[in-house]
Structure formats: structure tokens, C-alpha cells
Amino acid sequence: IWGKCEVRVKWPRGTVFTGIGRFGWKRRFDAAGLRTVTLKQDPRENGDRMVKFIELQGQDRVVFGEHLDDTQRLYIASLLVEKLNAMEAAPQAPSLAVRAL
């Protein structure tokens, strides 16, 4: 599979980019208002397989990482939780970028 999934946080805002090169989808979220980072799975509409993804829940809901493998999803979600907790404790922290190719 081609493309990348990139999460960037410049406190207190964040973006998730999924795409190839500069072409893709960018979703914004409020990092300061983030309540949960969750690994989830839901059945597809026709029910023939499960779709796994990362969900960021706060004021908005951002879902991404469907094309990543389980190891990449776990890495990104774990790193996000760790780094966002550190940024919340010291909001002057400059920025964070997490990327899975």
C-alpha cells in the first residue's frame, strides 16, 4: 500500500494527514481538548471484515489509520498518548510529528 499517515501537533492544535505526497486528506483537531486516543475496530457495512483504526475523541471525532498495520496503529496511538500527556503538562513544548509510511 502506498501513502503515509502523519499526525502533527503544535500545541494546542493538531492535524492528521493521510495521502500520497502532498495529495490527500487533512483533518484538524484540538489537541488541548482531546479526551481519548483509542484503537477501535468496526465491521464493514456488508459485514465481511473488520476495519481497524485510531480514533481521537474530543470536541471533534477524528478517525484515521485504516490502511496501517496493527503494529503501526499501536505505535502511533501509544506515542500520541505519551507525547500529548507530556505536552499537556508543559504546554510550552514546541511540536510533535508522528509518521507511518
PDB file of N, CA and C in Angstrom:
ATOM      1  N   ILE A   1       0.863  -1.183   0.000  1.00  0.00           N
ATOM      2  CA  ILE A   1       0.000   0.000   0.000  1.00  0.00           C
ATOM      3  C   ILE A   1       0.897   1.229   0.000  1.00  0.00           C
ATOM      4  N   TRP A   2       0.488   2.222  -0.734  1.00  0.00           N
ATOM      5  CA  TRP A   2       1.262   3.444  -0.857  1.00  0.00           C
ATOM      6  C   TRP A   2       0.678   4.505   0.050  1.00  0.00           C
ATOM      7  N   GLY A   3       1.493   5.525   0.310  1.00  0.00           N
ATOM      8  CA  GLY A   3       0.989   6.663   1.055  1.00  0.00           C
ATOM      9  C   GLY A   3       1.585   6.766   2.435  1.00  0.00           C
ATOM     10  N   LYS A   4       1.073   7.750   3.165  1.00  0.00           N
ATOM     11  CA  LYS A   4       1.566   7.972   4.508  1.00  0.00           C
ATOM     12  C   LYS A   4       0.421   8.443   5.393  1.00  0.00           C
ATOM     13  N   CYS A   5       0.643   8.272   6.670  1.00  0.00           N
ATOM     14  CA  CYS A   5      -0.268   8.779   7.683  1.00  0.00           C
ATOM     15  C   CYS A   5       0.600   9.602   8.620  1.00  0.00           C
ATOM     16  N   GLU A   6       0.268  10.852   8.781  1.00  0.00           N
ATOM     17  CA  GLU A   6       1.105  11.752   9.571  1.00  0.00           C
ATOM     18  C   GLU A   6       0.247  12.531  10.548  1.00  0.00           C
ATOM     19  N   VAL A   7       0.657  12.533  11.811  1.00  0.00           N
ATOM     20  CA  VAL A   7      -0.021  13.304  12.845  1.00  0.00           C
ATOM     21  C   VAL A   7       0.953  14.369  13.311  1.00  0.00           C
ATOM     22  N   ARG A   8       0.500  15.612  13.299  1.00  0.00           N
ATOM     23  CA  ARG A   8       1.324  16.737  13.762  1.00  0.00           C
ATOM     24  C   ARG A   8       0.568  17.486  14.840  1.00  0.00           C
ATOM     25  N   VAL A   9       1.300  17.865  15.873  1.00  0.00           N
ATOM     26  CA  VAL A   9       0.712  18.667  16.939  1.00  0.00           C
ATOM     27  C   VAL A   9       1.614  19.859  17.187  1.00  0.00           C
ATOM     28  N   LYS A  10       1.042  21.020  17.100  1.00  0.00           N
ATOM     29  CA  LYS A  10       1.698  22.256  17.508  1.00  0.00           C
ATOM     30  C   LYS A  10       0.746  22.843  18.538  1.00  0.00           C
ATOM     31  N   TRP A  11       1.068  22.590  19.801  1.00  0.00           N
ATOM     32  CA  TRP A  11       0.151  22.855  20.904  1.00  0.00           C
ATOM     33  C   TRP A  11      -0.486  24.218  20.778  1.00  0.00           C
ATOM     34  N   PRO A  12      -1.791  24.321  20.861  1.00  0.00           N
ATOM     35  CA  PRO A  12      -2.784  23.336  21.266  1.00  0.00           C
ATOM     36  C   PRO A  12      -3.543  22.719  20.095  1.00  0.00           C
ATOM     37  N   ARG A  13      -3.055  22.842  18.858  1.00  0.00           N
ATOM     38  CA  ARG A  13      -3.775  22.312  17.702  1.00  0.00           C
ATOM     39  C   ARG A  13      -3.037  21.124  17.092  1.00  0.00           C
ATOM     40  N   GLY A  14      -3.804  20.310  16.364  1.00  0.00           N
ATOM     41  CA  GLY A  14      -3.197  19.162  15.709  1.00  0.00           C
ATOM     42  C   GLY A  14      -3.834  18.906  14.360  1.00  0.00           C
ATOM     43  N   THR A  15      -3.118  18.164  13.517  1.00  0.00           N
ATOM     44  CA  THR A  15      -3.646  17.750  12.218  1.00  0.00           C
ATOM     45  C   THR A  15      -3.273  16.291  11.961  1.00  0.00           C
ATOM     46  N   VAL A  16      -4.140  15.624  11.227  1.00  0.00           N
ATOM     47  CA  VAL A  16      -3.871  14.274  10.739  1.00  0.00           C
ATOM     48  C   VAL A  16      -3.908  14.367   9.225  1.00  0.00           C
ATOM     49  N   PHE A  17      -2.833  13.925   8.573  1.00  0.00           N
ATOM     50  CA  PHE A  17      -2.783  13.904   7.113  1.00  0.00           C
ATOM     51  C   PHE A  17      -2.663  12.462   6.667  1.00  0.00           C
ATOM     52  N   THR A  18      -3.492  12.051   5.730  1.00  0.00           N
ATOM     53  CA  THR A  18      -3.420  10.733   5.120  1.00  0.00           C
ATOM     54  C   THR A  18      -3.426  10.926   3.612  1.00  0.00           C
ATOM     55  N   GLY A  19      -2.407  10.396   2.928  1.00  0.00           N
ATOM     56  CA  GLY A  19      -2.362  10.555   1.483  1.00  0.00           C
ATOM     57  C   GLY A  19      -1.038  10.138   0.905  1.00  0.00           C
ATOM     58  N   ILE A  20      -0.808  10.593  -0.319  1.00  0.00           N
ATOM     59  CA  ILE A  20       0.421  10.324  -1.047  1.00  0.00           C
ATOM     60  C   ILE A  20       1.051  11.661  -1.389  1.00  0.00           C
ATOM     61  N   GLY A  21       2.286  11.860  -0.934  1.00  0.00           N
ATOM     62  CA  GLY A  21       2.948  13.139  -1.174  1.00  0.00           C
ATOM     63  C   GLY A  21       2.164  14.262  -0.523  1.00  0.00           C
ATOM     64  N   ARG A  22       1.836  15.282  -1.306  1.00  0.00           N
ATOM     65  CA  ARG A  22       1.049  16.388  -0.759  1.00  0.00           C
ATOM     66  C   ARG A  22      -0.438  16.259  -1.066  1.00  0.00           C
ATOM     67  N   PHE A  23      -0.809  15.168  -1.748  1.00  0.00           N
ATOM     68  CA  PHE A  23      -2.207  14.943  -2.097  1.00  0.00           C
ATOM     69  C   PHE A  23      -2.841  13.983  -1.095  1.00  0.00           C
ATOM     70  N   GLY A  24      -3.915  14.435  -0.483  1.00  0.00           N
ATOM     71  CA  GLY A  24      -4.574  13.586   0.499  1.00  0.00           C
ATOM     72  C   GLY A  24      -5.600  14.365   1.295  1.00  0.00           C
ATOM     73  N   TRP A  25      -5.877  13.868   2.493  1.00  0.00           N
ATOM     74  CA  TRP A  25      -6.885  14.465   3.354  1.00  0.00           C
ATOM     75  C   TRP A  25      -6.233  14.952   4.623  1.00  0.00           C
ATOM     76  N   LYS A  26      -6.582  16.162   5.020  1.00  0.00           N
ATOM     77  CA  LYS A  26      -6.080  16.732   6.255  1.00  0.00           C
ATOM     78  C   LYS A  26      -7.270  17.005   7.162  1.00  0.00           C
ATOM     79  N   ARG A  27      -7.198  16.479   8.382  1.00  0.00           N
ATOM     80  CA  ARG A  27      -8.237  16.736   9.375  1.00  0.00           C
ATOM     81  C   ARG A  27      -7.605  17.408  10.575  1.00  0.00           C
ATOM     82  N   ARG A  28      -8.250  18.449  11.044  1.00  0.00           N
ATOM     83  CA  ARG A  28      -7.735  19.206  12.185  1.00  0.00           C
ATOM     84  C   ARG A  28      -8.437  18.779  13.464  1.00  0.00           C
ATOM     85  N   PHE A  29      -7.720  18.905  14.583  1.00  0.00           N
ATOM     86  CA  PHE A  29      -8.329  18.621  15.876  1.00  0.00           C
ATOM     87  C   PHE A  29      -7.709  19.516  16.940  1.00  0.00           C
ATOM     88  N   ASP A  30      -8.440  19.680  18.029  1.00  0.00           N
ATOM     89  CA  ASP A  30      -7.990  20.470  19.169  1.00  0.00           C
ATOM     90  C   ASP A  30      -7.239  19.542  20.115  1.00  0.00           C
ATOM     91  N   ALA A  31      -5.912  19.603  20.109  1.00  0.00           N
ATOM     92  CA  ALA A  31      -5.114  18.704  20.942  1.00  0.00           C
ATOM     93  C   ALA A  31      -5.359  18.959  22.427  1.00  0.00           C
ATOM     94  N   ALA A  32      -5.563  20.210  22.795  1.00  0.00           N
ATOM     95  CA  ALA A  32      -5.792  20.541  24.202  1.00  0.00           C
ATOM     96  C   ALA A  32      -7.117  19.972  24.693  1.00  0.00           C
ATOM     97  N   GLY A  33      -8.098  19.833  23.812  1.00  0.00           N
ATOM     98  CA  GLY A  33      -9.405  19.320  24.191  1.00  0.00           C
ATOM     99  C   GLY A  33      -9.573  17.825  23.968  1.00  0.00           C
ATOM    100  N   LEU A  34      -8.493  17.146  23.583  1.00  0.00           N
ATOM    101  CA  LEU A  34      -8.554  15.718  23.299  1.00  0.00           C
ATOM    102  C   LEU A  34      -8.798  14.932  24.588  1.00  0.00           C
ATOM    103  N   ARG A  35      -9.810  14.065  24.575  1.00  0.00           N
ATOM    104  CA  ARG A  35     -10.130  13.266  25.764  1.00  0.00           C
ATOM    105  C   ARG A  35      -9.600  11.842  25.662  1.00  0.00           C
ATOM    106  N   THR A  36      -9.681  11.243  24.477  1.00  0.00           N
ATOM    107  CA  THR A  36      -9.228   9.855  24.340  1.00  0.00           C
ATOM    108  C   THR A  36      -8.535   9.620  22.999  1.00  0.00           C
ATOM    109  N   VAL A  37      -7.581   8.708  23.026  1.00  0.00           N
ATOM    110  CA  VAL A  37      -6.956   8.140  21.829  1.00  0.00           C
ATOM    111  C   VAL A  37      -7.231   6.645  21.930  1.00  0.00           C
ATOM    112  N   THR A  38      -8.005   6.109  20.983  1.00  0.00           N
ATOM    113  CA  THR A  38      -8.483   4.736  21.092  1.00  0.00           C
ATOM    114  C   THR A  38      -8.199   3.940  19.831  1.00  0.00           C
ATOM    115  N   LEU A  39      -7.771   2.698  20.003  1.00  0.00           N
ATOM    116  CA  LEU A  39      -7.691   1.747  18.902  1.00  0.00           C
ATOM    117  C   LEU A  39      -9.047   1.069  18.825  1.00  0.00           C
ATOM    118  N   LYS A  40      -9.682   1.111  17.663  1.00  0.00           N
ATOM    119  CA  LYS A  40     -11.025   0.566  17.516  1.00  0.00           C
ATOM    120  C   LYS A  40     -11.100  -0.334  16.299  1.00  0.00           C
ATOM    121  N   GLN A  41     -12.175  -1.122  16.272  1.00  0.00           N
ATOM    122  CA  GLN A  41     -12.491  -1.897  15.068  1.00  0.00           C
ATOM    123  C   GLN A  41     -14.001  -1.983  14.935  1.00  0.00           C
ATOM    124  N   ASP A  42     -14.461  -1.855  13.710  1.00  0.00           N
ATOM    125  CA  ASP A  42     -15.881  -1.914  13.385  1.00  0.00           C
ATOM    126  C   ASP A  42     -16.057  -2.783  12.153  1.00  0.00           C
ATOM    127  N   PRO A  43     -17.191  -3.457  12.050  1.00  0.00           N
ATOM    128  CA  PRO A  43     -17.435  -4.234  10.833  1.00  0.00           C
ATOM    129  C   PRO A  43     -17.741  -3.311   9.664  1.00  0.00           C
ATOM    130  N   ARG A  44     -17.339  -3.713   8.483  1.00  0.00           N
ATOM    131  CA  ARG A  44     -17.707  -3.001   7.263  1.00  0.00           C
ATOM    132  C   ARG A  44     -19.210  -3.083   7.084  1.00  0.00           C
ATOM    133  N   GLU A  45     -19.741  -2.209   6.237  1.00  0.00           N
ATOM    134  CA  GLU A  45     -21.190  -2.186   6.009  1.00  0.00           C
ATOM    135  C   GLU A  45     -21.741  -3.551   5.602  1.00  0.00           C
ATOM    136  N   ASN A  46     -21.017  -4.274   4.764  1.00  0.00           N
ATOM    137  CA  ASN A  46     -21.516  -5.581   4.331  1.00  0.00           C
ATOM    138  C   ASN A  46     -21.141  -6.697   5.310  1.00  0.00           C
ATOM    139  N   GLY A  47     -20.384  -6.354   6.363  1.00  0.00           N
ATOM    140  CA  GLY A  47     -20.084  -7.288   7.437  1.00  0.00           C
ATOM    141  C   GLY A  47     -19.072  -8.371   7.122  1.00  0.00           C
ATOM    142  N   ASP A  48     -18.372  -8.292   5.975  1.00  0.00           N
ATOM    143  CA  ASP A  48     -17.453  -9.368   5.624  1.00  0.00           C
ATOM    144  C   ASP A  48     -16.078  -9.249   6.273  1.00  0.00           C
ATOM    145  N   ARG A  49     -15.730  -8.083   6.821  1.00  0.00           N
ATOM    146  CA  ARG A  49     -14.444  -7.958   7.508  1.00  0.00           C
ATOM    147  C   ARG A  49     -14.476  -6.785   8.483  1.00  0.00           C
ATOM    148  N   MET A  50     -13.528  -6.787   9.407  1.00  0.00           N
ATOM    149  CA  MET A  50     -13.430  -5.722  10.395  1.00  0.00           C
ATOM    150  C   MET A  50     -12.454  -4.653   9.895  1.00  0.00           C
ATOM    151  N   VAL A  51     -12.791  -3.412  10.159  1.00  0.00           N
ATOM    152  CA  VAL A  51     -11.912  -2.298   9.835  1.00  0.00           C
ATOM    153  C   VAL A  51     -11.320  -1.797  11.142  1.00  0.00           C
ATOM    154  N   LYS A  52      -9.999  -1.709  11.193  1.00  0.00           N
ATOM    155  CA  LYS A  52      -9.307  -1.243  12.392  1.00  0.00           C
ATOM    156  C   LYS A  52      -8.807   0.167  12.141  1.00  0.00           C
ATOM    157  N   PHE A  53      -8.870   1.013  13.181  1.00  0.00           N
ATOM    158  CA  PHE A  53      -8.475   2.414  13.023  1.00  0.00           C
ATOM    159  C   PHE A  53      -8.145   3.026  14.372  1.00  0.00           C
ATOM    160  N   ILE A  54      -7.627   4.247  14.332  1.00  0.00           N
ATOM    161  CA  ILE A  54      -7.359   5.050  15.532  1.00  0.00           C
ATOM    162  C   ILE A  54      -8.432   6.126  15.587  1.00  0.00           C
ATOM    163  N   GLU A  55      -8.979   6.330  16.778  1.00  0.00           N
ATOM    164  CA  GLU A  55      -9.993   7.371  16.952  1.00  0.00           C
ATOM    165  C   GLU A  55      -9.498   8.376  17.982  1.00  0.00           C
ATOM    166  N   LEU A  56      -9.517   9.642  17.607  1.00  0.00           N
ATOM    167  CA  LEU A  56      -9.231  10.741  18.526  1.00  0.00           C
ATOM    168  C   LEU A  56     -10.564  11.359  18.890  1.00  0.00           C
ATOM    169  N   GLN A  57     -10.876  11.390  20.174  1.00  0.00           N
ATOM    170  CA  GLN A  57     -12.170  11.912  20.607  1.00  0.00           C
ATOM    171  C   GLN A  57     -11.957  13.106  21.529  1.00  0.00           C
ATOM    172  N   GLY A  58     -12.600  14.191  21.185  1.00  0.00           N
ATOM    173  CA  GLY A  58     -12.581  15.415  21.968  1.00  0.00           C
ATOM    174  C   GLY A  58     -13.801  16.199  21.574  1.00  0.00           C
ATOM    175  N   GLN A  59     -13.615  17.482  21.294  1.00  0.00           N
ATOM    176  CA  GLN A  59     -14.736  18.265  20.767  1.00  0.00           C
ATOM    177  C   GLN A  59     -15.175  17.696  19.429  1.00  0.00           C
ATOM    178  N   ASP A  60     -14.210  17.240  18.659  1.00  0.00           N
ATOM    179  CA  ASP A  60     -14.471  16.601  17.368  1.00  0.00           C
ATOM    180  C   ASP A  60     -14.002  15.158  17.435  1.00  0.00           C
ATOM    181  N   ARG A  61     -14.465  14.346  16.507  1.00  0.00           N
ATOM    182  CA  ARG A  61     -14.025  12.957  16.377  1.00  0.00           C
ATOM    183  C   ARG A  61     -13.217  12.852  15.096  1.00  0.00           C
ATOM    184  N   VAL A  62     -11.983  12.377  15.221  1.00  0.00           N
ATOM    185  CA  VAL A  62     -11.120  12.183  14.056  1.00  0.00           C
ATOM    186  C   VAL A  62     -10.752  10.708  14.004  1.00  0.00           C
ATOM    187  N   VAL A  63     -10.987  10.085  12.858  1.00  0.00           N
ATOM    188  CA  VAL A  63     -10.703   8.664  12.648  1.00  0.00           C
ATOM    189  C   VAL A  63      -9.672   8.557  11.532  1.00  0.00           C
ATOM    190  N   PHE A  64      -8.646   7.734  11.750  1.00  0.00           N
ATOM    191  CA  PHE A  64      -7.611   7.563  10.726  1.00  0.00           C
ATOM    192  C   PHE A  64      -6.855   6.263  10.980  1.00  0.00           C
ATOM    193  N   GLY A  65      -5.994   5.895  10.043  1.00  0.00           N
ATOM    194  CA  GLY A  65      -5.112   4.747  10.206  1.00  0.00           C
ATOM    195  C   GLY A  65      -5.676   3.428   9.716  1.00  0.00           C
ATOM    196  N   GLU A  66      -6.739   3.479   8.921  1.00  0.00           N
ATOM    197  CA  GLU A  66      -7.338   2.243   8.417  1.00  0.00           C
ATOM    198  C   GLU A  66      -6.353   1.431   7.579  1.00  0.00           C
ATOM    199  N   HIS A  67      -5.480   2.108   6.863  1.00  0.00           N
ATOM    200  CA  HIS A  67      -4.554   1.409   5.967  1.00  0.00           C
ATOM    201  C   HIS A  67      -3.271   0.955   6.668  1.00  0.00           C
ATOM    202  N   LEU A  68      -3.088   1.302   7.936  1.00  0.00           N
ATOM    203  CA  LEU A  68      -1.887   0.904   8.672  1.00  0.00           C
ATOM    204  C   LEU A  68      -2.034  -0.520   9.186  1.00  0.00           C
ATOM    205  N   ASP A  69      -0.891  -1.173   9.416  1.00  0.00           N
ATOM    206  CA  ASP A  69      -0.982  -2.496  10.039  1.00  0.00           C
ATOM    207  C   ASP A  69      -1.108  -2.322  11.559  1.00  0.00           C
ATOM    208  N   ASP A  70      -1.373  -3.422  12.267  1.00  0.00           N
ATOM    209  CA  ASP A  70      -1.616  -3.355  13.708  1.00  0.00           C
ATOM    210  C   ASP A  70      -0.441  -2.743  14.473  1.00  0.00           C
ATOM    211  N   THR A  71       0.771  -3.081  14.090  1.00  0.00           N
ATOM    212  CA  THR A  71       1.961  -2.557  14.772  1.00  0.00           C
ATOM    213  C   THR A  71       2.065  -1.048  14.592  1.00  0.00           C
ATOM    214  N   GLN A  72       1.827  -0.554  13.396  1.00  0.00           N
ATOM    215  CA  GLN A  72       1.889   0.888  13.137  1.00  0.00           C
ATOM    216  C   GLN A  72       0.799   1.639  13.904  1.00  0.00           C
ATOM    217  N   ARG A  73      -0.407   1.083  13.911  1.00  0.00           N
ATOM    218  CA  ARG A  73      -1.506   1.722  14.661  1.00  0.00           C
ATOM    219  C   ARG A  73      -1.182   1.808  16.142  1.00  0.00           C
ATOM    220  N   LEU A  74      -0.692   0.713  16.708  1.00  0.00           N
ATOM    221  CA  LEU A  74      -0.347   0.689  18.128  1.00  0.00           C
ATOM    222  C   LEU A  74       0.774   1.684  18.433  1.00  0.00           C
ATOM    223  N   TYR A  75       1.781   1.740  17.568  1.00  0.00           N
ATOM    224  CA  TYR A  75       2.896   2.673  17.752  1.00  0.00           C
ATOM    225  C   TYR A  75       2.401   4.123  17.756  1.00  0.00           C
ATOM    226  N   ILE A  76       1.605   4.493  16.751  1.00  0.00           N
ATOM    227  CA  ILE A  76       1.130   5.875  16.653  1.00  0.00           C
ATOM    228  C   ILE A  76       0.231   6.229  17.834  1.00  0.00           C
ATOM    229  N   ALA A  77      -0.700   5.346  18.182  1.00  0.00           N
ATOM    230  CA  ALA A  77      -1.609   5.636  19.293  1.00  0.00           C
ATOM    231  C   ALA A  77      -0.840   5.759  20.612  1.00  0.00           C
ATOM    232  N   SER A  78       0.092   4.858  20.868  1.00  0.00           N
ATOM    233  CA  SER A  78       0.873   4.898  22.112  1.00  0.00           C
ATOM    234  C   SER A  78       1.733   6.151  22.194  1.00  0.00           C
ATOM    235  N   LEU A  79       2.387   6.473  21.096  1.00  0.00           N
ATOM    236  CA  LEU A  79       3.231   7.662  21.080  1.00  0.00           C
ATOM    237  C   LEU A  79       2.402   8.932  21.250  1.00  0.00           C
ATOM    238  N   LEU A  80       1.236   8.973  20.622  1.00  0.00           N
ATOM    239  CA  LEU A  80       0.353  10.135  20.788  1.00  0.00           C
ATOM    240  C   LEU A  80      -0.062  10.323  22.243  1.00  0.00           C
ATOM    241  N   VAL A  81      -0.466   9.247  22.894  1.00  0.00           N
ATOM    242  CA  VAL A  81      -0.868   9.342  24.304  1.00  0.00           C
ATOM    243  C   VAL A  81       0.288   9.839  25.153  1.00  0.00           C
ATOM    244  N   GLU A  82       1.448   9.250  24.968  1.00  0.00           N
ATOM    245  CA  GLU A  82       2.626   9.633  25.753  1.00  0.00           C
ATOM    246  C   GLU A  82       3.004  11.097  25.532  1.00  0.00           C
ATOM    247  N   LYS A  83       3.115  11.496  24.282  1.00  0.00           N
ATOM    248  CA  LYS A  83       3.568  12.852  23.969  1.00  0.00           C
ATOM    249  C   LYS A  83       2.522  13.911  24.289  1.00  0.00           C
ATOM    250  N   LEU A  84       1.238  13.616  24.041  1.00  0.00           N
ATOM    251  CA  LEU A  84       0.198  14.593  24.347  1.00  0.00           C
ATOM    252  C   LEU A  84       0.081  14.811  25.852  1.00  0.00           C
ATOM    253  N   ASN A  85       0.248  13.747  26.645  1.00  0.00           N
ATOM    254  CA  ASN A  85       0.249  13.918  28.100  1.00  0.00           C
ATOM    255  C   ASN A  85       1.402  14.808  28.542  1.00  0.00           C
ATOM    256  N   ALA A  86       2.575  14.624  27.941  1.00  0.00           N
ATOM    257  CA  ALA A  86       3.730  15.454  28.270  1.00  0.00           C
ATOM    258  C   ALA A  86       3.507  16.902  27.839  1.00  0.00           C
ATOM    259  N   MET A  87       2.907  17.099  26.663  1.00  0.00           N
ATOM    260  CA  MET A  87       2.647  18.458  26.176  1.00  0.00           C
ATOM    261  C   MET A  87       1.614  19.161  27.042  1.00  0.00           C
ATOM    262  N   GLU A  88       0.625  18.406  27.512  1.00  0.00           N
ATOM    263  CA  GLU A  88      -0.410  18.996  28.353  1.00  0.00           C
ATOM    264  C   GLU A  88       0.194  19.457  29.679  1.00  0.00           C
ATOM    265  N   ALA A  89       1.149  18.682  30.199  1.00  0.00           N
ATOM    266  CA  ALA A  89       1.805  19.036  31.451  1.00  0.00           C
ATOM    267  C   ALA A  89       2.709  20.255  31.276  1.00  0.00           C
ATOM    268  N   ALA A  90       3.290  20.409  30.098  1.00  0.00           N
ATOM    269  CA  ALA A  90       4.184  21.538  29.806  1.00  0.00           C
ATOM    270  C   ALA A  90       3.811  22.113  28.454  1.00  0.00           C
ATOM    271  N   PRO A  91       2.705  22.898  28.363  1.00  0.00           N
ATOM    272  CA  PRO A  91       2.192  23.341  27.059  1.00  0.00           C
ATOM    273  C   PRO A  91       3.132  24.225  26.255  1.00  0.00           C
ATOM    274  N   GLN A  92       4.224  24.659  26.826  1.00  0.00           N
ATOM    275  CA  GLN A  92       5.165  25.455  26.050  1.00  0.00           C
ATOM    276  C   GLN A  92       5.991  24.569  25.106  1.00  0.00           C
ATOM    277  N   ALA A  93       5.827  23.240  25.232  1.00  0.00           N
ATOM    278  CA  ALA A  93       6.538  22.318  24.340  1.00  0.00           C
ATOM    279  C   ALA A  93       6.221  22.671  22.894  1.00  0.00           C
ATOM    280  N   PRO A  94       7.224  22.693  22.026  1.00  0.00           N
ATOM    281  CA  PRO A  94       7.026  23.224  20.672  1.00  0.00           C
ATOM    282  C   PRO A  94       6.096  22.437  19.767  1.00  0.00           C
ATOM    283  N   SER A  95       6.419  21.199  19.453  1.00  0.00           N
ATOM    284  CA  SER A  95       5.602  20.475  18.475  1.00  0.00           C
ATOM    285  C   SER A  95       5.929  18.989  18.496  1.00  0.00           C
ATOM    286  N   LEU A  96       5.103  18.231  17.796  1.00  0.00           N
ATOM    287  CA  LEU A  96       5.246  16.785  17.689  1.00  0.00           C
ATOM    288  C   LEU A  96       4.851  16.382  16.285  1.00  0.00           C
ATOM    289  N   ALA A  97       5.591  15.453  15.704  1.00  0.00           N
ATOM    290  CA  ALA A  97       5.220  14.881  14.413  1.00  0.00           C
ATOM    291  C   ALA A  97       5.424  13.374  14.486  1.00  0.00           C
ATOM    292  N   VAL A  98       4.393  12.612  14.119  1.00  0.00           N
ATOM    293  CA  VAL A  98       4.453  11.157  14.089  1.00  0.00           C
ATOM    294  C   VAL A  98       4.049  10.735  12.684  1.00  0.00           C
ATOM    295  N   ARG A  99       4.836   9.855  12.086  1.00  0.00           N
ATOM    296  CA  ARG A  99       4.560   9.461  10.695  1.00  0.00           C
ATOM    297  C   ARG A  99       4.690   7.953  10.544  1.00  0.00           C
ATOM    298  N   ALA A 100       3.790   7.367   9.820  1.00  0.00           N
ATOM    299  CA  ALA A 100       3.890   5.957   9.423  1.00  0.00           C
ATOM    300  C   ALA A 100       3.792   5.917   7.922  1.00  0.00           C
ATOM    301  N   LEU A 101       4.731   5.238   7.294  1.00  0.00           N
ATOM    302  CA  LEU A 101       4.740   5.116   5.837  1.00  0.00           C
ATOM    303  C   LEU A 101       4.252   3.758   5.423  1.00  0.00           C
TER     304      LEU A 101
END
